[in-house]
Amino acid sequence: MQKSLLVLLFVLGAAVAWGFYAPLVHKGATSLHSSLRAFLFVGVAYFIVAVVLPLIMIFVFNWDPTAKGTPTFEATPIMWGLAAGLSGAIGALCLIFALTNAGGAIYVAPLVFGGAPVVNTIATLYIFNTAKTAPDWRFLTGIALTIIGAAMVMIFKPEMEAHTATKPAPSAVAHAEAGASSH
């Protein structure tokens, strides 16, 4: 029971962090006036969290709470880790370019984060952990509903209003100030 609670806590943490990812990166790209510059700082943050923190935990504190058996730095496992990192970085770059061209995270994020589990499921079942039996029809129905949901997100996406206040025309401001000074 306690382990399940811990798992749910980390799942919630990932969902909240990744749920904020697209809107935050879009805000950064908008503020920096460059998606590529925003991606650069995403990389800096990844470097701090994914390189500096583990280096300190493993080599300074000699503490790896995730170790099972004897941890290794052999070539093949390193390549799997690099492939995972490359996959994540390419996904982040594609997300950032999608956000740039779509104008916001309101429908890009649901498509990406709805599509990713479908790809994950197919890859897990048929490439990395080949399923011994075909999935139950209800499981496949859930996958189909995810795809239908993604289509509905595209079709029925909300129209977003700009959050910037419109400034009155300079002639209107001058006219208002002239009127106020004559009273």
N, C-alpha and C. Protein backbone atom coordinates (compact mmCIF):
# COMPACT_ATOMS: atom_id res chain seq x y z
N MET A 1 0.83 -1.21 0.00
CA MET A 1 0.00 0.00 0.00
C MET A 1 0.86 1.26 0.00
N GLN A 2 1.90 1.28 0.86
CA GLN A 2 2.75 2.45 0.95
C GLN A 2 3.53 2.66 -0.35
N LYS A 3 3.98 1.56 -1.00
CA LYS A 3 4.70 1.67 -2.26
C LYS A 3 3.78 2.21 -3.35
N SER A 4 2.52 1.77 -3.37
CA SER A 4 1.56 2.28 -4.35
C SER A 4 1.33 3.77 -4.17
N LEU A 5 1.28 4.21 -2.94
CA LEU A 5 1.11 5.64 -2.65
C LEU A 5 2.32 6.43 -3.16
N LEU A 6 3.52 5.88 -2.97
CA LEU A 6 4.73 6.54 -3.45
C LEU A 6 4.73 6.61 -4.97
N VAL A 7 4.32 5.52 -5.62
CA VAL A 7 4.24 5.51 -7.07
C VAL A 7 3.25 6.57 -7.54
N LEU A 8 2.08 6.63 -6.93
CA LEU A 8 1.07 7.63 -7.31
C LEU A 8 1.58 9.05 -7.09
N LEU A 9 2.35 9.27 -6.04
CA LEU A 9 2.92 10.59 -5.77
C LEU A 9 3.87 10.99 -6.90
N PHE A 10 4.73 10.06 -7.33
CA PHE A 10 5.65 10.37 -8.43
C PHE A 10 4.91 10.51 -9.76
N VAL A 11 3.86 9.72 -9.98
CA VAL A 11 3.04 9.86 -11.19
C VAL A 11 2.40 11.25 -11.20
N LEU A 12 1.87 11.66 -10.08
CA LEU A 12 1.27 12.99 -9.97
C LEU A 12 2.31 14.07 -10.23
N GLY A 13 3.51 13.90 -9.66
CA GLY A 13 4.58 14.86 -9.90
C GLY A 13 4.93 14.98 -11.38
N ALA A 14 5.03 13.83 -12.07
CA ALA A 14 5.33 13.85 -13.51
C ALA A 14 4.20 14.50 -14.29
N ALA A 15 2.95 14.16 -13.94
CA ALA A 15 1.80 14.73 -14.65
C ALA A 15 1.73 16.24 -14.48
N VAL A 16 1.96 16.72 -13.26
CA VAL A 16 1.92 18.16 -13.02
C VAL A 16 3.07 18.85 -13.75
N ALA A 17 4.29 18.30 -13.63
CA ALA A 17 5.45 18.91 -14.29
C ALA A 17 5.27 18.93 -15.80
N TRP A 18 4.89 17.80 -16.39
CA TRP A 18 4.71 17.76 -17.83
C TRP A 18 3.47 18.51 -18.27
N GLY A 19 2.48 18.61 -17.40
CA GLY A 19 1.30 19.41 -17.73
C GLY A 19 1.62 20.89 -17.83
N PHE A 20 2.57 21.34 -17.04
CA PHE A 20 3.00 22.74 -17.10
C PHE A 20 4.05 22.97 -18.17
N TYR A 21 4.69 21.90 -18.68
CA TYR A 21 5.81 22.04 -19.60
C TYR A 21 5.46 22.86 -20.84
N ALA A 22 4.43 22.46 -21.57
CA ALA A 22 4.09 23.15 -22.83
C ALA A 22 3.73 24.62 -22.60
N PRO A 23 2.86 24.95 -21.63
CA PRO A 23 2.57 26.37 -21.43
C PRO A 23 3.79 27.17 -20.98
N LEU A 24 4.65 26.57 -20.16
CA LEU A 24 5.85 27.28 -19.72
C LEU A 24 6.83 27.51 -20.86
N VAL A 25 7.05 26.50 -21.67
CA VAL A 25 7.99 26.66 -22.77
C VAL A 25 7.43 27.63 -23.81
N HIS A 26 6.12 27.62 -24.00
CA HIS A 26 5.51 28.59 -24.93
C HIS A 26 5.67 30.01 -24.39
N LYS A 27 5.47 30.18 -23.09
CA LYS A 27 5.65 31.51 -22.47
C LYS A 27 7.10 31.96 -22.62
N GLY A 28 8.05 31.03 -22.38
CA GLY A 28 9.46 31.37 -22.55
C GLY A 28 9.78 31.75 -23.98
N ALA A 29 9.28 30.98 -24.94
CA ALA A 29 9.54 31.27 -26.34
C ALA A 29 8.95 32.61 -26.75
N THR A 30 7.76 32.90 -26.25
CA THR A 30 7.11 34.17 -26.55
C THR A 30 7.90 35.33 -25.94
N SER A 31 8.31 35.17 -24.70
CA SER A 31 9.06 36.23 -24.01
C SER A 31 10.44 36.44 -24.61
N LEU A 32 11.08 35.35 -25.04
CA LEU A 32 12.42 35.45 -25.64
C LEU A 32 12.35 35.80 -27.13
N HIS A 33 11.15 35.76 -27.69
CA HIS A 33 10.93 35.99 -29.12
C HIS A 33 11.69 34.97 -29.95
N SER A 34 11.83 33.76 -29.42
CA SER A 34 12.55 32.70 -30.13
C SER A 34 12.30 31.36 -29.47
N SER A 35 11.75 30.43 -30.23
CA SER A 35 11.55 29.09 -29.70
C SER A 35 12.89 28.38 -29.48
N LEU A 36 13.84 28.62 -30.36
CA LEU A 36 15.14 27.98 -30.23
C LEU A 36 15.87 28.45 -28.98
N ARG A 37 15.72 29.72 -28.63
CA ARG A 37 16.33 30.23 -27.40
C ARG A 37 15.65 29.62 -26.16
N ALA A 38 14.35 29.45 -26.24
CA ALA A 38 13.64 28.80 -25.13
C ALA A 38 14.13 27.37 -24.98
N PHE A 39 14.33 26.68 -26.12
CA PHE A 39 14.82 25.30 -26.10
C PHE A 39 16.22 25.23 -25.49
N LEU A 40 17.04 26.23 -25.75
CA LEU A 40 18.38 26.30 -25.15
C LEU A 40 18.28 26.26 -23.63
N PHE A 41 17.37 27.03 -23.06
CA PHE A 41 17.24 27.07 -21.60
C PHE A 41 16.54 25.84 -21.05
N VAL A 42 15.71 25.18 -21.87
CA VAL A 42 15.18 23.87 -21.49
C VAL A 42 16.37 22.92 -21.32
N GLY A 43 17.31 22.99 -22.25
CA GLY A 43 18.51 22.16 -22.18
C GLY A 43 19.36 22.46 -20.96
N VAL A 44 19.50 23.72 -20.62
CA VAL A 44 20.24 24.10 -19.41
C VAL A 44 19.58 23.49 -18.18
N ALA A 45 18.26 23.58 -18.12
CA ALA A 45 17.53 23.01 -16.98
C ALA A 45 17.70 21.50 -16.94
N TYR A 46 17.61 20.84 -18.10
CA TYR A 46 17.83 19.40 -18.16
C TYR A 46 19.24 19.06 -17.68
N PHE A 47 20.22 19.85 -18.09
CA PHE A 47 21.60 19.60 -17.68
C PHE A 47 21.73 19.65 -16.16
N ILE A 48 21.11 20.64 -15.55
CA ILE A 48 21.19 20.77 -14.10
C ILE A 48 20.52 19.59 -13.41
N VAL A 49 19.30 19.26 -13.85
CA VAL A 49 18.53 18.21 -13.18
C VAL A 49 19.01 16.81 -13.56
N ALA A 50 19.39 16.62 -14.83
CA ALA A 50 19.71 15.27 -15.30
C ALA A 50 21.20 14.95 -15.32
N VAL A 51 22.07 15.95 -15.17
CA VAL A 51 23.50 15.68 -15.17
C VAL A 51 24.13 16.07 -13.84
N VAL A 52 23.97 17.32 -13.46
CA VAL A 52 24.62 17.80 -12.24
C VAL A 52 24.07 17.09 -11.00
N LEU A 53 22.77 17.02 -10.86
CA LEU A 53 22.17 16.39 -9.68
C LEU A 53 22.58 14.91 -9.53
N PRO A 54 22.45 14.08 -10.59
CA PRO A 54 22.90 12.69 -10.43
C PRO A 54 24.40 12.56 -10.15
N LEU A 55 25.22 13.42 -10.78
CA LEU A 55 26.66 13.38 -10.49
C LEU A 55 26.94 13.62 -9.02
N ILE A 56 26.26 14.60 -8.45
CA ILE A 56 26.44 14.91 -7.03
C ILE A 56 25.95 13.75 -6.17
N MET A 57 24.76 13.23 -6.50
CA MET A 57 24.21 12.13 -5.70
C MET A 57 25.10 10.89 -5.75
N ILE A 58 25.58 10.53 -6.95
CA ILE A 58 26.35 9.30 -7.12
C ILE A 58 27.79 9.45 -6.63
N PHE A 59 28.46 10.53 -7.04
CA PHE A 59 29.90 10.62 -6.79
C PHE A 59 30.28 11.43 -5.56
N VAL A 60 29.42 12.35 -5.13
CA VAL A 60 29.74 13.12 -3.92
C VAL A 60 29.15 12.43 -2.69
N PHE A 61 27.86 12.09 -2.77
CA PHE A 61 27.18 11.49 -1.62
C PHE A 61 27.18 9.95 -1.65
N ASN A 62 27.69 9.37 -2.76
CA ASN A 62 27.71 7.92 -2.91
C ASN A 62 26.32 7.33 -2.60
N TRP A 63 25.29 7.94 -3.18
CA TRP A 63 23.91 7.57 -2.88
C TRP A 63 23.12 7.46 -4.18
N ASP A 64 22.62 6.27 -4.46
CA ASP A 64 21.79 6.03 -5.62
C ASP A 64 20.55 5.26 -5.16
N PRO A 65 19.49 5.97 -4.79
CA PRO A 65 18.30 5.29 -4.27
C PRO A 65 17.57 4.46 -5.33
N THR A 66 17.99 4.55 -6.58
CA THR A 66 17.34 3.78 -7.65
C THR A 66 18.10 2.52 -8.01
N ALA A 67 19.28 2.30 -7.44
CA ALA A 67 20.13 1.17 -7.82
C ALA A 67 19.47 -0.16 -7.46
N LYS A 68 19.54 -1.07 -8.42
CA LYS A 68 19.07 -2.45 -8.21
C LYS A 68 20.22 -3.34 -8.64
N GLY A 69 20.68 -4.19 -7.76
CA GLY A 69 21.84 -5.00 -8.08
C GLY A 69 23.09 -4.14 -8.04
N THR A 70 24.05 -4.44 -8.90
CA THR A 70 25.28 -3.66 -8.96
C THR A 70 25.20 -2.70 -10.13
N PRO A 71 25.11 -1.38 -9.85
CA PRO A 71 25.03 -0.40 -10.94
C PRO A 71 26.28 -0.47 -11.83
N THR A 72 26.13 -0.11 -13.08
CA THR A 72 27.22 -0.21 -14.04
C THR A 72 27.30 1.03 -14.92
N PHE A 73 28.44 1.19 -15.55
CA PHE A 73 28.62 2.20 -16.59
C PHE A 73 29.14 1.51 -17.86
N GLU A 74 28.57 0.37 -18.21
CA GLU A 74 28.97 -0.36 -19.40
C GLU A 74 28.37 0.29 -20.65
N ALA A 75 28.98 0.01 -21.80
CA ALA A 75 28.65 0.69 -23.05
C ALA A 75 27.19 0.50 -23.49
N THR A 76 26.69 -0.72 -23.50
CA THR A 76 25.33 -0.96 -24.01
C THR A 76 24.27 -0.26 -23.16
N PRO A 77 24.31 -0.38 -21.83
CA PRO A 77 23.32 0.37 -21.04
C PRO A 77 23.46 1.88 -21.20
N ILE A 78 24.68 2.36 -21.36
CA ILE A 78 24.89 3.80 -21.60
C ILE A 78 24.21 4.21 -22.90
N MET A 79 24.32 3.37 -23.94
CA MET A 79 23.70 3.68 -25.23
C MET A 79 22.17 3.75 -25.11
N TRP A 80 21.57 2.86 -24.29
CA TRP A 80 20.12 2.93 -24.07
C TRP A 80 19.74 4.24 -23.38
N GLY A 81 20.54 4.65 -22.41
CA GLY A 81 20.28 5.92 -21.73
C GLY A 81 20.41 7.11 -22.68
N LEU A 82 21.45 7.07 -23.53
CA LEU A 82 21.62 8.15 -24.52
C LEU A 82 20.47 8.16 -25.53
N ALA A 83 20.03 6.98 -25.94
CA ALA A 83 18.89 6.90 -26.87
C ALA A 83 17.63 7.49 -26.24
N ALA A 84 17.42 7.19 -24.95
CA ALA A 84 16.26 7.75 -24.25
C ALA A 84 16.37 9.27 -24.17
N GLY A 85 17.55 9.76 -23.83
CA GLY A 85 17.75 11.21 -23.76
C GLY A 85 17.56 11.88 -25.11
N LEU A 86 18.08 11.26 -26.16
CA LEU A 86 17.92 11.80 -27.51
C LEU A 86 16.45 11.82 -27.91
N SER A 87 15.74 10.75 -27.58
CA SER A 87 14.31 10.70 -27.86
C SER A 87 13.56 11.82 -27.14
N GLY A 88 13.89 12.02 -25.87
CA GLY A 88 13.25 13.09 -25.10
C GLY A 88 13.59 14.47 -25.65
N ALA A 89 14.85 14.68 -26.01
CA ALA A 89 15.26 15.99 -26.53
C ALA A 89 14.62 16.28 -27.89
N ILE A 90 14.57 15.28 -28.76
CA ILE A 90 13.93 15.46 -30.07
C ILE A 90 12.44 15.73 -29.87
N GLY A 91 11.81 15.01 -28.93
CA GLY A 91 10.40 15.25 -28.64
C GLY A 91 10.16 16.66 -28.13
N ALA A 92 11.04 17.13 -27.24
CA ALA A 92 10.90 18.50 -26.72
C ALA A 92 11.08 19.52 -27.83
N LEU A 93 12.05 19.30 -28.72
CA LEU A 93 12.26 20.23 -29.83
C LEU A 93 11.05 20.23 -30.76
N CYS A 94 10.52 19.06 -31.07
CA CYS A 94 9.33 18.99 -31.92
C CYS A 94 8.14 19.69 -31.26
N LEU A 95 7.98 19.50 -29.95
CA LEU A 95 6.90 20.17 -29.23
C LEU A 95 7.05 21.68 -29.31
N ILE A 96 8.27 22.16 -29.11
CA ILE A 96 8.52 23.60 -29.16
C ILE A 96 8.21 24.17 -30.54
N PHE A 97 8.63 23.47 -31.60
CA PHE A 97 8.32 23.95 -32.94
C PHE A 97 6.83 23.85 -33.25
N ALA A 98 6.16 22.83 -32.72
CA ALA A 98 4.71 22.74 -32.90
C ALA A 98 4.01 23.90 -32.21
N LEU A 99 4.45 24.22 -30.98
CA LEU A 99 3.87 25.35 -30.25
C LEU A 99 4.08 26.65 -31.01
N THR A 100 5.26 26.82 -31.59
CA THR A 100 5.57 28.03 -32.35
C THR A 100 4.63 28.20 -33.52
N ASN A 101 4.41 27.12 -34.25
CA ASN A 101 3.61 27.20 -35.46
C ASN A 101 2.11 27.14 -35.19
N ALA A 102 1.72 26.63 -34.01
CA ALA A 102 0.30 26.53 -33.68
C ALA A 102 -0.19 27.77 -32.94
N GLY A 103 0.73 28.52 -32.35
CA GLY A 103 0.35 29.72 -31.63
C GLY A 103 -0.01 29.50 -30.18
N GLY A 104 0.21 28.32 -29.64
CA GLY A 104 -0.08 28.12 -28.22
C GLY A 104 -0.19 26.66 -27.84
N ALA A 105 -0.31 26.46 -26.54
CA ALA A 105 -0.29 25.11 -25.99
C ALA A 105 -1.67 24.51 -25.81
N ILE A 106 -2.74 25.27 -26.09
CA ILE A 106 -4.08 24.83 -25.74
C ILE A 106 -4.46 23.51 -26.42
N TYR A 107 -4.03 23.29 -27.65
CA TYR A 107 -4.36 22.01 -28.27
C TYR A 107 -3.14 21.19 -28.65
N VAL A 108 -1.96 21.81 -28.76
CA VAL A 108 -0.76 21.04 -29.08
C VAL A 108 -0.44 20.06 -27.96
N ALA A 109 -0.46 20.52 -26.72
CA ALA A 109 -0.12 19.65 -25.59
C ALA A 109 -1.04 18.45 -25.47
N PRO A 110 -2.37 18.60 -25.57
CA PRO A 110 -3.21 17.40 -25.51
C PRO A 110 -2.93 16.41 -26.63
N LEU A 111 -2.59 16.93 -27.82
CA LEU A 111 -2.28 16.03 -28.92
C LEU A 111 -0.98 15.27 -28.65
N VAL A 112 0.05 15.99 -28.20
CA VAL A 112 1.34 15.35 -27.93
C VAL A 112 1.22 14.39 -26.76
N PHE A 113 0.65 14.86 -25.65
CA PHE A 113 0.60 14.03 -24.45
C PHE A 113 -0.52 13.00 -24.50
N GLY A 114 -1.41 13.10 -25.49
CA GLY A 114 -2.37 12.03 -25.75
C GLY A 114 -1.81 11.03 -26.74
N GLY A 115 -1.03 11.52 -27.70
CA GLY A 115 -0.43 10.64 -28.69
C GLY A 115 0.73 9.83 -28.14
N ALA A 116 1.50 10.42 -27.24
CA ALA A 116 2.67 9.73 -26.68
C ALA A 116 2.31 8.40 -26.01
N PRO A 117 1.24 8.33 -25.21
CA PRO A 117 0.90 7.02 -24.62
C PRO A 117 0.52 5.97 -25.65
N VAL A 118 -0.07 6.39 -26.76
CA VAL A 118 -0.41 5.43 -27.82
C VAL A 118 0.87 4.86 -28.41
N VAL A 119 1.82 5.74 -28.75
CA VAL A 119 3.11 5.29 -29.29
C VAL A 119 3.83 4.43 -28.26
N ASN A 120 3.81 4.88 -26.99
CA ASN A 120 4.46 4.13 -25.92
C ASN A 120 3.89 2.72 -25.81
N THR A 121 2.58 2.61 -25.87
CA THR A 121 1.92 1.31 -25.74
C THR A 121 2.30 0.39 -26.89
N ILE A 122 2.26 0.92 -28.10
CA ILE A 122 2.62 0.10 -29.27
C ILE A 122 4.08 -0.32 -29.19
N ALA A 123 4.96 0.62 -28.86
CA ALA A 123 6.39 0.30 -28.75
C ALA A 123 6.65 -0.73 -27.65
N THR A 124 5.99 -0.57 -26.51
CA THR A 124 6.18 -1.49 -25.40
C THR A 124 5.67 -2.88 -25.74
N LEU A 125 4.48 -2.95 -26.34
CA LEU A 125 3.88 -4.25 -26.66
C LEU A 125 4.59 -5.00 -27.78
N TYR A 126 5.00 -4.28 -28.82
CA TYR A 126 5.44 -4.95 -30.04
C TYR A 126 6.93 -4.81 -30.35
N ILE A 127 7.64 -3.91 -29.71
CA ILE A 127 9.07 -3.72 -30.00
C ILE A 127 9.94 -4.12 -28.82
N PHE A 128 9.69 -3.53 -27.66
CA PHE A 128 10.60 -3.71 -26.53
C PHE A 128 10.24 -4.89 -25.62
N ASN A 129 8.97 -5.11 -25.40
CA ASN A 129 8.51 -6.25 -24.58
C ASN A 129 7.41 -6.96 -25.35
N THR A 130 7.78 -7.64 -26.40
CA THR A 130 6.81 -8.26 -27.29
C THR A 130 5.75 -9.02 -26.50
N ALA A 131 4.50 -8.66 -26.75
CA ALA A 131 3.38 -9.27 -26.03
C ALA A 131 3.23 -10.73 -26.44
N LYS A 132 2.97 -11.58 -25.46
CA LYS A 132 2.78 -13.02 -25.73
C LYS A 132 1.38 -13.28 -26.27
N THR A 133 0.44 -12.43 -25.90
CA THR A 133 -0.93 -12.57 -26.39
C THR A 133 -1.41 -11.20 -26.88
N ALA A 134 -2.39 -11.22 -27.74
CA ALA A 134 -2.95 -9.96 -28.24
C ALA A 134 -3.66 -9.24 -27.09
N PRO A 135 -3.57 -7.92 -27.07
CA PRO A 135 -4.28 -7.18 -26.02
C PRO A 135 -5.79 -7.39 -26.10
N ASP A 136 -6.45 -7.28 -24.96
CA ASP A 136 -7.90 -7.39 -24.86
C ASP A 136 -8.55 -6.30 -25.72
N TRP A 137 -9.72 -6.57 -26.28
CA TRP A 137 -10.41 -5.61 -27.13
C TRP A 137 -10.69 -4.30 -26.39
N ARG A 138 -10.92 -4.36 -25.07
CA ARG A 138 -11.19 -3.14 -24.30
C ARG A 138 -9.96 -2.26 -24.22
N PHE A 139 -8.80 -2.90 -24.15
CA PHE A 139 -7.55 -2.15 -24.16
C PHE A 139 -7.39 -1.42 -25.50
N LEU A 140 -7.61 -2.13 -26.59
CA LEU A 140 -7.51 -1.53 -27.92
C LEU A 140 -8.57 -0.46 -28.12
N THR A 141 -9.76 -0.65 -27.53
CA THR A 141 -10.81 0.37 -27.60
C THR A 141 -10.34 1.65 -26.90
N GLY A 142 -9.66 1.51 -25.78
CA GLY A 142 -9.10 2.68 -25.09
C GLY A 142 -8.11 3.42 -25.95
N ILE A 143 -7.27 2.69 -26.67
CA ILE A 143 -6.32 3.32 -27.60
C ILE A 143 -7.08 4.06 -28.70
N ALA A 144 -8.10 3.42 -29.25
CA ALA A 144 -8.90 4.05 -30.31
C ALA A 144 -9.58 5.32 -29.79
N LEU A 145 -10.08 5.27 -28.56
CA LEU A 145 -10.73 6.45 -27.98
C LEU A 145 -9.73 7.59 -27.79
N THR A 146 -8.49 7.25 -27.47
CA THR A 146 -7.46 8.28 -27.35
C THR A 146 -7.24 8.96 -28.70
N ILE A 147 -7.18 8.17 -29.76
CA ILE A 147 -7.00 8.74 -31.10
C ILE A 147 -8.20 9.59 -31.49
N ILE A 148 -9.41 9.11 -31.19
CA ILE A 148 -10.63 9.89 -31.47
C ILE A 148 -10.62 11.18 -30.66
N GLY A 149 -10.19 11.09 -29.40
CA GLY A 149 -10.09 12.28 -28.55
C GLY A 149 -9.13 13.30 -29.13
N ALA A 150 -8.00 12.84 -29.66
CA ALA A 150 -7.03 13.76 -30.27
C ALA A 150 -7.65 14.47 -31.47
N ALA A 151 -8.40 13.72 -32.28
CA ALA A 151 -9.07 14.34 -33.43
C ALA A 151 -10.08 15.38 -32.96
N MET A 152 -10.80 15.08 -31.88
CA MET A 152 -11.79 16.03 -31.36
C MET A 152 -11.11 17.30 -30.83
N VAL A 153 -9.93 17.15 -30.23
CA VAL A 153 -9.19 18.32 -29.75
C VAL A 153 -8.86 19.24 -30.92
N MET A 154 -8.43 18.66 -32.03
CA MET A 154 -8.10 19.48 -33.20
C MET A 154 -9.34 20.15 -33.79
N ILE A 155 -10.43 19.40 -33.86
CA ILE A 155 -11.63 19.93 -34.51
C ILE A 155 -12.32 21.00 -33.65
N PHE A 156 -12.36 20.78 -32.34
CA PHE A 156 -13.14 21.67 -31.47
C PHE A 156 -12.27 22.53 -30.57
N LYS A 157 -11.03 22.83 -30.98
CA LYS A 157 -10.15 23.64 -30.14
C LYS A 157 -10.76 25.02 -29.92
N PRO A 158 -10.57 25.58 -28.71
CA PRO A 158 -11.12 26.91 -28.43
C PRO A 158 -10.32 27.99 -29.14
N GLU A 159 -10.98 29.04 -29.48
CA GLU A 159 -10.30 30.21 -30.02
C GLU A 159 -9.77 31.00 -28.84
N MET A 160 -8.50 31.35 -28.89
CA MET A 160 -7.87 32.07 -27.78
C MET A 160 -7.79 33.55 -28.11
N GLU A 161 -8.10 34.37 -27.11
CA GLU A 161 -7.97 35.81 -27.26
C GLU A 161 -6.60 36.22 -26.79
N ALA A 162 -6.08 37.29 -27.37
CA ALA A 162 -4.80 37.82 -26.94
C ALA A 162 -4.95 38.38 -25.53
N HIS A 163 -3.93 38.18 -24.71
CA HIS A 163 -3.98 38.65 -23.33
C HIS A 163 -3.38 40.04 -23.16
N THR A 164 -3.04 40.70 -24.25
CA THR A 164 -2.46 42.04 -24.15
C THR A 164 -3.58 43.06 -24.27
N ALA A 165 -3.51 44.07 -23.45
CA ALA A 165 -4.51 45.13 -23.50
C ALA A 165 -4.24 46.00 -24.72
N THR A 166 -5.31 46.37 -25.42
CA THR A 166 -5.11 47.23 -26.57
C THR A 166 -4.99 48.67 -26.10
N LYS A 167 -4.02 49.35 -26.68
CA LYS A 167 -3.81 50.75 -26.32
C LYS A 167 -4.67 51.62 -27.22
N PRO A 168 -5.23 52.69 -26.69
CA PRO A 168 -6.02 53.58 -27.54
C PRO A 168 -5.12 54.27 -28.57
N ALA A 169 -5.70 54.63 -29.67
CA ALA A 169 -4.94 55.32 -30.72
C ALA A 169 -4.36 56.61 -30.16
N PRO A 170 -3.16 57.02 -30.63
CA PRO A 170 -2.53 58.24 -30.11
C PRO A 170 -3.41 59.47 -30.26
N SER A 171 -4.18 59.59 -31.34
CA SER A 171 -5.04 60.75 -31.53
C SER A 171 -6.15 60.77 -30.48
N ALA A 172 -6.65 59.59 -30.07
CA ALA A 172 -7.69 59.53 -29.05
C ALA A 172 -7.14 59.96 -27.70
N VAL A 173 -5.89 59.57 -27.40
CA VAL A 173 -5.27 59.96 -26.14
C VAL A 173 -5.04 61.46 -26.12
N ALA A 174 -4.52 62.01 -27.21
CA ALA A 174 -4.26 63.44 -27.28
C ALA A 174 -5.56 64.23 -27.17
N HIS A 175 -6.62 63.76 -27.82
CA HIS A 175 -7.91 64.42 -27.76
C HIS A 175 -8.47 64.38 -26.33
N ALA A 176 -8.33 63.25 -25.66
CA ALA A 176 -8.83 63.13 -24.29
C ALA A 176 -8.05 64.04 -23.35
N GLU A 177 -6.72 64.11 -23.54
CA GLU A 177 -5.91 64.98 -22.68
C GLU A 177 -6.24 66.45 -22.94
N ALA A 178 -6.47 66.82 -24.20
CA ALA A 178 -6.81 68.21 -24.53
C ALA A 178 -8.16 68.58 -23.92
N GLY A 179 -9.09 67.64 -23.97
CA GLY A 179 -10.41 67.88 -23.40
C GLY A 179 -10.33 68.06 -21.89
N ALA A 180 -9.46 67.25 -21.23
CA ALA A 180 -9.33 67.31 -19.78
C ALA A 180 -8.66 68.60 -19.36
N SER A 181 -7.70 69.11 -20.14
CA SER A 181 -6.99 70.34 -19.74
C SER A 181 -7.83 71.58 -19.98
N SER A 182 -8.84 71.52 -20.83
CA SER A 182 -9.68 72.68 -21.08
C SER A 182 -10.74 72.87 -20.01
N HIS A 183 -10.94 71.85 -19.16
CA HIS A 183 -11.98 71.96 -18.11
C HIS A 183 -11.45 72.56 -16.88
